[in-house]
Amino acid sequence: MYKPNPIDTSRVELPKELLELTEKIAENVHENWSVARIKDGWSYGELRDDDKKTTPCLVPYSELTEIEKEYDRITAIETLKLIVALGYKIEKK
């Protein structure tokens, strides 16, 4: 049985300037997810239906519910924390 074992980032404190990236990364995560879904034949539908390949999440990020946005934000934050935990530094040019 598969047992996930992500790198522990629980002790990583992100500096303010990296936290500001969170929303842009989250939006881009959603855009990439949307591209993949559309490529796989999914389209917008008021209800998710795996057989019909419809989902209410195929909308611009700004139109997602806060609950849906939170999934993308968590991905963004955990990605930034992983980069820092691995010893990399992100600087704005």
N, C-alpha and C. Protein backbone atom coordinates (compact mmCIF):
# COMPACT_ATOMS: atom_id res chain seq x y z
N MET A 1 0.84 -1.18 0.00
CA MET A 1 0.00 0.00 0.00
C MET A 1 0.88 1.24 0.00
N TYR A 2 0.53 2.18 -0.84
CA TYR A 2 1.27 3.44 -0.95
C TYR A 2 1.07 4.28 0.30
N LYS A 3 2.18 4.78 0.84
CA LYS A 3 2.13 5.67 2.01
C LYS A 3 2.87 6.95 1.65
N PRO A 4 2.14 8.05 1.42
CA PRO A 4 2.80 9.31 1.06
C PRO A 4 3.82 9.75 2.12
N ASN A 5 4.92 10.31 1.66
CA ASN A 5 5.97 10.76 2.56
C ASN A 5 6.56 12.08 2.07
N PRO A 6 5.76 13.16 2.13
CA PRO A 6 6.28 14.45 1.66
C PRO A 6 7.37 14.97 2.60
N ILE A 7 8.22 15.82 2.05
CA ILE A 7 9.24 16.48 2.87
C ILE A 7 8.52 17.36 3.88
N ASP A 8 8.96 17.27 5.14
CA ASP A 8 8.35 18.05 6.22
C ASP A 8 8.70 19.52 6.08
N THR A 9 7.71 20.34 5.85
CA THR A 9 7.92 21.79 5.73
C THR A 9 7.26 22.55 6.88
N SER A 10 6.83 21.82 7.89
CA SER A 10 6.05 22.43 8.97
C SER A 10 6.83 23.50 9.75
N ARG A 11 8.14 23.44 9.73
CA ARG A 11 8.94 24.42 10.48
C ARG A 11 9.40 25.59 9.62
N VAL A 12 9.05 25.56 8.35
CA VAL A 12 9.48 26.63 7.45
C VAL A 12 8.56 27.84 7.61
N GLU A 13 9.16 28.97 7.91
CA GLU A 13 8.43 30.24 8.00
C GLU A 13 8.74 31.01 6.73
N LEU A 14 7.73 31.29 5.96
CA LEU A 14 7.96 32.04 4.72
C LEU A 14 8.04 33.53 5.01
N PRO A 15 9.04 34.20 4.43
CA PRO A 15 9.10 35.66 4.59
C PRO A 15 7.92 36.32 3.87
N LYS A 16 7.58 37.51 4.30
CA LYS A 16 6.42 38.23 3.76
C LYS A 16 6.45 38.33 2.24
N GLU A 17 7.63 38.61 1.67
CA GLU A 17 7.70 38.78 0.22
C GLU A 17 7.37 37.49 -0.53
N LEU A 18 7.64 36.33 0.08
CA LEU A 18 7.25 35.08 -0.57
C LEU A 18 5.77 34.79 -0.38
N LEU A 19 5.23 35.17 0.76
CA LEU A 19 3.79 34.98 0.98
C LEU A 19 2.98 35.77 -0.04
N GLU A 20 3.52 36.90 -0.47
CA GLU A 20 2.83 37.71 -1.46
C GLU A 20 2.71 37.00 -2.80
N LEU A 21 3.59 36.03 -3.05
CA LEU A 21 3.53 35.25 -4.29
C LEU A 21 2.41 34.21 -4.28
N THR A 22 1.94 33.88 -3.11
CA THR A 22 0.98 32.79 -2.96
C THR A 22 -0.21 32.89 -3.90
N GLU A 23 -0.83 34.04 -3.95
CA GLU A 23 -2.05 34.18 -4.75
C GLU A 23 -1.76 34.06 -6.25
N LYS A 24 -0.63 34.61 -6.70
CA LYS A 24 -0.28 34.49 -8.12
C LYS A 24 0.02 33.03 -8.48
N ILE A 25 0.72 32.33 -7.60
CA ILE A 25 1.02 30.93 -7.86
C ILE A 25 -0.28 30.12 -7.83
N ALA A 26 -1.14 30.39 -6.86
CA ALA A 26 -2.41 29.67 -6.76
C ALA A 26 -3.24 29.88 -8.02
N GLU A 27 -3.28 31.09 -8.52
CA GLU A 27 -4.03 31.37 -9.75
C GLU A 27 -3.43 30.58 -10.93
N ASN A 28 -2.11 30.54 -11.00
CA ASN A 28 -1.46 29.83 -12.08
C ASN A 28 -1.67 28.31 -11.97
N VAL A 29 -1.69 27.80 -10.75
CA VAL A 29 -1.99 26.38 -10.53
C VAL A 29 -3.37 26.07 -11.10
N HIS A 30 -4.34 26.93 -10.82
CA HIS A 30 -5.69 26.73 -11.34
C HIS A 30 -5.72 26.80 -12.87
N GLU A 31 -4.99 27.75 -13.43
CA GLU A 31 -4.95 27.87 -14.89
C GLU A 31 -4.37 26.60 -15.53
N ASN A 32 -3.30 26.08 -14.96
CA ASN A 32 -2.70 24.84 -15.49
C ASN A 32 -3.65 23.66 -15.33
N TRP A 33 -4.32 23.59 -14.19
CA TRP A 33 -5.31 22.52 -13.96
C TRP A 33 -6.42 22.62 -15.02
N SER A 34 -6.87 23.85 -15.28
CA SER A 34 -7.94 24.06 -16.25
C SER A 34 -7.52 23.63 -17.65
N VAL A 35 -6.32 23.99 -18.04
CA VAL A 35 -5.80 23.60 -19.36
C VAL A 35 -5.80 22.08 -19.49
N ALA A 36 -5.32 21.40 -18.46
CA ALA A 36 -5.27 19.93 -18.49
C ALA A 36 -6.67 19.32 -18.58
N ARG A 37 -7.61 19.86 -17.82
CA ARG A 37 -8.98 19.34 -17.85
C ARG A 37 -9.61 19.52 -19.23
N ILE A 38 -9.47 20.71 -19.79
CA ILE A 38 -10.04 20.99 -21.11
C ILE A 38 -9.41 20.07 -22.15
N LYS A 39 -8.10 19.87 -22.05
CA LYS A 39 -7.40 18.98 -22.98
C LYS A 39 -7.93 17.55 -22.85
N ASP A 40 -8.35 17.18 -21.65
CA ASP A 40 -8.89 15.83 -21.41
C ASP A 40 -10.38 15.73 -21.71
N GLY A 41 -10.96 16.79 -22.27
CA GLY A 41 -12.36 16.73 -22.69
C GLY A 41 -13.37 17.23 -21.67
N TRP A 42 -12.91 17.84 -20.59
CA TRP A 42 -13.82 18.37 -19.58
C TRP A 42 -14.35 19.72 -20.03
N SER A 43 -15.53 20.07 -19.51
CA SER A 43 -16.12 21.39 -19.77
C SER A 43 -16.84 21.86 -18.52
N TYR A 44 -17.27 23.12 -18.56
CA TYR A 44 -18.00 23.69 -17.44
C TYR A 44 -19.36 23.03 -17.32
N GLY A 45 -19.76 22.77 -16.09
CA GLY A 45 -21.10 22.30 -15.77
C GLY A 45 -21.43 22.72 -14.36
N GLU A 46 -22.68 22.98 -14.08
CA GLU A 46 -23.06 23.45 -12.74
C GLU A 46 -22.75 22.42 -11.66
N LEU A 47 -22.77 21.14 -12.03
CA LEU A 47 -22.44 20.07 -11.10
C LEU A 47 -21.30 19.24 -11.67
N ARG A 48 -20.46 18.71 -10.77
CA ARG A 48 -19.40 17.82 -11.24
C ARG A 48 -20.04 16.50 -11.64
N ASP A 49 -19.68 16.04 -12.81
CA ASP A 49 -20.16 14.76 -13.32
C ASP A 49 -18.99 14.11 -14.06
N ASP A 50 -18.39 13.11 -13.43
CA ASP A 50 -17.22 12.46 -14.01
C ASP A 50 -17.54 11.75 -15.32
N ASP A 51 -18.74 11.21 -15.45
CA ASP A 51 -19.12 10.53 -16.69
C ASP A 51 -19.25 11.52 -17.85
N LYS A 52 -19.87 12.67 -17.57
CA LYS A 52 -20.05 13.69 -18.61
C LYS A 52 -18.83 14.62 -18.73
N LYS A 53 -17.92 14.48 -17.78
CA LYS A 53 -16.72 15.32 -17.71
C LYS A 53 -17.09 16.80 -17.62
N THR A 54 -17.93 17.11 -16.64
CA THR A 54 -18.28 18.51 -16.37
C THR A 54 -17.91 18.85 -14.94
N THR A 55 -17.54 20.11 -14.74
CA THR A 55 -17.17 20.58 -13.41
C THR A 55 -17.47 22.07 -13.29
N PRO A 56 -17.94 22.51 -12.14
CA PRO A 56 -18.19 23.93 -11.93
C PRO A 56 -16.89 24.73 -11.71
N CYS A 57 -15.76 24.04 -11.64
CA CYS A 57 -14.49 24.71 -11.38
C CYS A 57 -13.79 25.20 -12.64
N LEU A 58 -14.35 24.93 -13.81
CA LEU A 58 -13.75 25.44 -15.04
C LEU A 58 -14.23 26.87 -15.30
N VAL A 59 -13.77 27.74 -14.42
CA VAL A 59 -14.06 29.17 -14.49
C VAL A 59 -12.76 29.90 -14.14
N PRO A 60 -12.67 31.20 -14.43
CA PRO A 60 -11.48 31.94 -14.00
C PRO A 60 -11.29 31.83 -12.48
N TYR A 61 -10.05 31.87 -12.06
CA TYR A 61 -9.72 31.75 -10.63
C TYR A 61 -10.53 32.73 -9.78
N SER A 62 -10.70 33.93 -10.28
CA SER A 62 -11.43 34.96 -9.52
C SER A 62 -12.88 34.57 -9.25
N GLU A 63 -13.42 33.64 -10.04
CA GLU A 63 -14.81 33.22 -9.86
C GLU A 63 -14.96 31.96 -9.01
N LEU A 64 -13.85 31.37 -8.60
CA LEU A 64 -13.94 30.19 -7.73
C LEU A 64 -14.43 30.58 -6.35
N THR A 65 -15.01 29.63 -5.65
CA THR A 65 -15.38 29.86 -4.25
C THR A 65 -14.09 29.93 -3.43
N GLU A 66 -14.16 30.51 -2.27
CA GLU A 66 -12.99 30.58 -1.40
C GLU A 66 -12.50 29.18 -1.03
N ILE A 67 -13.42 28.25 -0.87
CA ILE A 67 -13.03 26.87 -0.55
C ILE A 67 -12.19 26.29 -1.68
N GLU A 68 -12.59 26.50 -2.92
CA GLU A 68 -11.83 25.99 -4.06
C GLU A 68 -10.49 26.71 -4.18
N LYS A 69 -10.47 28.01 -3.96
CA LYS A 69 -9.22 28.76 -4.02
C LYS A 69 -8.22 28.25 -2.98
N GLU A 70 -8.74 27.83 -1.84
CA GLU A 70 -7.86 27.38 -0.76
C GLU A 70 -7.05 26.16 -1.16
N TYR A 71 -7.61 25.26 -1.97
CA TYR A 71 -6.85 24.11 -2.46
C TYR A 71 -5.62 24.58 -3.23
N ASP A 72 -5.80 25.56 -4.08
CA ASP A 72 -4.68 26.08 -4.88
C ASP A 72 -3.70 26.85 -4.02
N ARG A 73 -4.19 27.57 -3.02
CA ARG A 73 -3.30 28.31 -2.11
C ARG A 73 -2.41 27.36 -1.32
N ILE A 74 -2.99 26.27 -0.86
CA ILE A 74 -2.21 25.28 -0.10
C ILE A 74 -1.09 24.73 -0.97
N THR A 75 -1.41 24.42 -2.22
CA THR A 75 -0.38 23.94 -3.15
C THR A 75 0.72 24.99 -3.31
N ALA A 76 0.33 26.24 -3.47
CA ALA A 76 1.30 27.32 -3.65
C ALA A 76 2.20 27.47 -2.42
N ILE A 77 1.59 27.51 -1.25
CA ILE A 77 2.36 27.68 -0.01
C ILE A 77 3.30 26.51 0.21
N GLU A 78 2.81 25.30 0.02
CA GLU A 78 3.65 24.12 0.23
C GLU A 78 4.79 24.06 -0.78
N THR A 79 4.56 24.52 -1.99
CA THR A 79 5.64 24.56 -2.99
C THR A 79 6.70 25.56 -2.57
N LEU A 80 6.29 26.74 -2.14
CA LEU A 80 7.26 27.74 -1.68
C LEU A 80 8.02 27.24 -0.46
N LYS A 81 7.34 26.61 0.48
CA LYS A 81 8.00 26.07 1.66
C LYS A 81 9.01 24.98 1.29
N LEU A 82 8.66 24.15 0.34
CA LEU A 82 9.58 23.10 -0.10
C LEU A 82 10.85 23.71 -0.71
N ILE A 83 10.68 24.72 -1.54
CA ILE A 83 11.84 25.38 -2.16
C ILE A 83 12.77 25.91 -1.07
N VAL A 84 12.22 26.55 -0.07
CA VAL A 84 13.02 27.10 1.04
C VAL A 84 13.64 25.96 1.85
N ALA A 85 12.87 24.93 2.14
CA ALA A 85 13.37 23.80 2.93
C ALA A 85 14.54 23.10 2.24
N LEU A 86 14.54 23.11 0.92
CA LEU A 86 15.62 22.47 0.16
C LEU A 86 16.85 23.37 0.02
N GLY A 87 16.77 24.56 0.61
CA GLY A 87 17.93 25.44 0.63
C GLY A 87 18.00 26.47 -0.48
N TYR A 88 16.96 26.59 -1.27
CA TYR A 88 16.94 27.57 -2.35
C TYR A 88 16.44 28.91 -1.83
N LYS A 89 16.81 29.94 -2.54
CA LYS A 89 16.39 31.29 -2.18
C LYS A 89 15.69 31.89 -3.42
N ILE A 90 14.56 32.50 -3.20
CA ILE A 90 13.83 33.14 -4.29
C ILE A 90 13.96 34.65 -4.09
N GLU A 91 14.43 35.32 -5.13
CA GLU A 91 14.56 36.77 -5.08
C GLU A 91 13.89 37.39 -6.28
N LYS A 92 13.23 38.49 -6.06
CA LYS A 92 12.60 39.23 -7.15
C LYS A 92 13.66 40.08 -7.83
N LYS A 93 13.63 40.05 -9.16
CA LYS A 93 14.61 40.87 -9.90
C LYS A 93 14.19 42.31 -9.92
